[in-house]
């Protein structure tokens, strides 16, 4: 049973890594979550999951900054400022980034 759980977890982990390589981050996160169901304390999988969450957070922040910059270029400094304030208000803290789930 233990060997089966570890084997199953590793299969999901490897699928997750392939999804990360393709920038399919939601699919990668799903695979890492499935791997953690079999081996919930596996540090390799926990760390891979954390990295995906960090990448997702960075991507979301970059998209929102780009939108704010476009608003500023269009002369709408108020909308740009509001967007930057939203980014800071929703900025993930360490507990969100480092949680296992």
Protein backbone atom coordinates (compact mmCIF):
# COMPACT_ATOMS: atom_id res chain seq x y z
CA UNK A 1 0.00 0.00 0.00
CA UNK A 2 2.78 2.44 0.90
CA UNK A 3 4.69 1.70 -2.30
CA UNK A 4 1.49 2.13 -4.33
CA UNK A 5 0.80 5.51 -2.70
CA UNK A 6 4.35 6.72 -3.34
CA UNK A 7 4.25 5.48 -6.94
CA UNK A 8 0.90 7.17 -7.54
CA UNK A 9 2.11 10.40 -5.94
CA UNK A 10 5.26 10.39 -8.08
CA UNK A 11 3.21 9.89 -11.25
CA UNK A 12 1.07 12.93 -10.40
CA UNK A 13 4.17 14.90 -9.44
CA UNK A 14 5.82 14.18 -12.79
CA UNK A 15 2.64 15.15 -14.64
CA UNK A 16 2.61 18.37 -12.65
CA UNK A 17 6.21 19.13 -13.59
CA UNK A 18 5.36 18.65 -17.27
CA UNK A 19 2.44 21.07 -16.90
CA UNK A 20 4.73 23.63 -15.26
CA UNK A 21 7.15 23.32 -18.18
CA UNK A 22 4.25 24.11 -20.52
CA UNK A 23 3.08 26.99 -18.27
CA UNK A 24 -0.19 25.10 -17.61
CA UNK A 25 -0.15 26.20 -14.01
CA UNK A 26 -3.72 25.32 -13.00
CA UNK A 27 -3.23 21.79 -14.33
CA UNK A 28 0.11 21.54 -12.54
CA UNK A 29 -1.46 22.64 -9.27
CA UNK A 30 -4.18 20.04 -9.71
CA UNK A 31 -1.60 17.28 -10.23
CA UNK A 32 0.42 18.38 -7.20
CA UNK A 33 -2.75 18.39 -5.11
CA UNK A 34 -3.54 14.88 -6.30
CA UNK A 35 0.00 13.79 -5.43
CA UNK A 36 -0.36 15.26 -1.95
CA UNK A 37 -3.49 13.20 -1.40
CA UNK A 38 -1.30 10.10 -1.53
CA UNK A 39 1.74 11.51 0.27
CA UNK A 40 0.65 14.67 2.13
CA UNK A 41 4.01 15.29 3.81
CA UNK A 42 6.22 14.92 0.73
CA UNK A 43 8.47 18.03 0.79
CA UNK A 44 9.33 17.77 -2.91
CA UNK A 45 5.66 17.99 -3.86
CA UNK A 46 4.88 20.66 -1.25
CA UNK A 47 7.70 22.83 -2.57
CA UNK A 48 6.67 22.32 -6.20
CA UNK A 49 3.14 23.38 -5.28
CA UNK A 50 4.45 26.49 -3.49
CA UNK A 51 6.49 27.42 -6.55
CA UNK A 52 3.43 27.18 -8.81
CA UNK A 53 1.49 29.45 -6.46
CA UNK A 54 4.35 31.95 -6.51
CA UNK A 55 4.46 31.89 -10.32
CA UNK A 56 0.69 32.38 -10.51
CA UNK A 57 0.87 35.30 -8.09
CA UNK A 58 3.68 36.94 -10.05
CA UNK A 59 1.80 36.49 -13.32
CA UNK A 60 -1.37 38.04 -11.89
CA UNK A 61 0.58 40.97 -10.49
CA UNK A 62 2.34 41.55 -13.83
CA UNK A 63 -0.98 41.52 -15.70
CA UNK A 64 -2.50 44.04 -13.32
CA UNK A 65 0.57 46.29 -13.45
CA UNK A 66 0.43 46.22 -17.25
CA UNK A 67 -3.25 47.20 -17.12
CA UNK A 68 -2.45 50.07 -14.72
CA UNK A 69 0.35 51.22 -17.02
CA UNK A 70 -2.05 51.26 -19.99
CA UNK A 71 -4.49 53.35 -17.99
CA UNK A 72 -1.71 55.76 -17.13
CA UNK A 73 -0.64 55.95 -20.79
CA UNK A 74 -4.26 56.71 -21.70
CA UNK A 75 -4.23 59.62 -19.25
CA UNK A 76 -6.33 57.96 -16.56
CA UNK A 77 -4.06 58.26 -13.55
CA UNK A 78 -6.98 57.71 -11.16
CA UNK A 79 -7.76 54.27 -12.62
CA UNK A 80 -4.05 53.42 -12.64
CA UNK A 81 -3.70 54.44 -8.99
CA UNK A 82 -6.78 52.44 -8.00
CA UNK A 83 -5.42 49.35 -9.73
CA UNK A 84 -2.06 49.69 -8.01
CA UNK A 85 -3.83 50.05 -4.67
CA UNK A 86 -5.83 46.89 -5.39
CA UNK A 87 -2.62 45.05 -6.20
CA UNK A 88 -1.11 46.05 -2.87
CA UNK A 89 -4.32 45.29 -0.96
CA UNK A 90 -4.45 41.77 -2.44
CA UNK A 91 -0.73 41.10 -2.38
CA UNK A 92 -0.22 37.54 -1.09
CA UNK A 93 1.49 37.26 2.25
CA UNK A 94 3.93 34.55 3.25
CA UNK A 95 1.25 32.41 4.88
CA UNK A 96 -0.71 32.26 1.61
CA UNK A 97 2.34 31.46 -0.45
CA UNK A 98 3.79 28.95 1.97
CA UNK A 99 0.63 27.07 2.93
CA UNK A 100 0.41 23.44 1.88
CA UNK A 101 -3.14 23.89 0.53
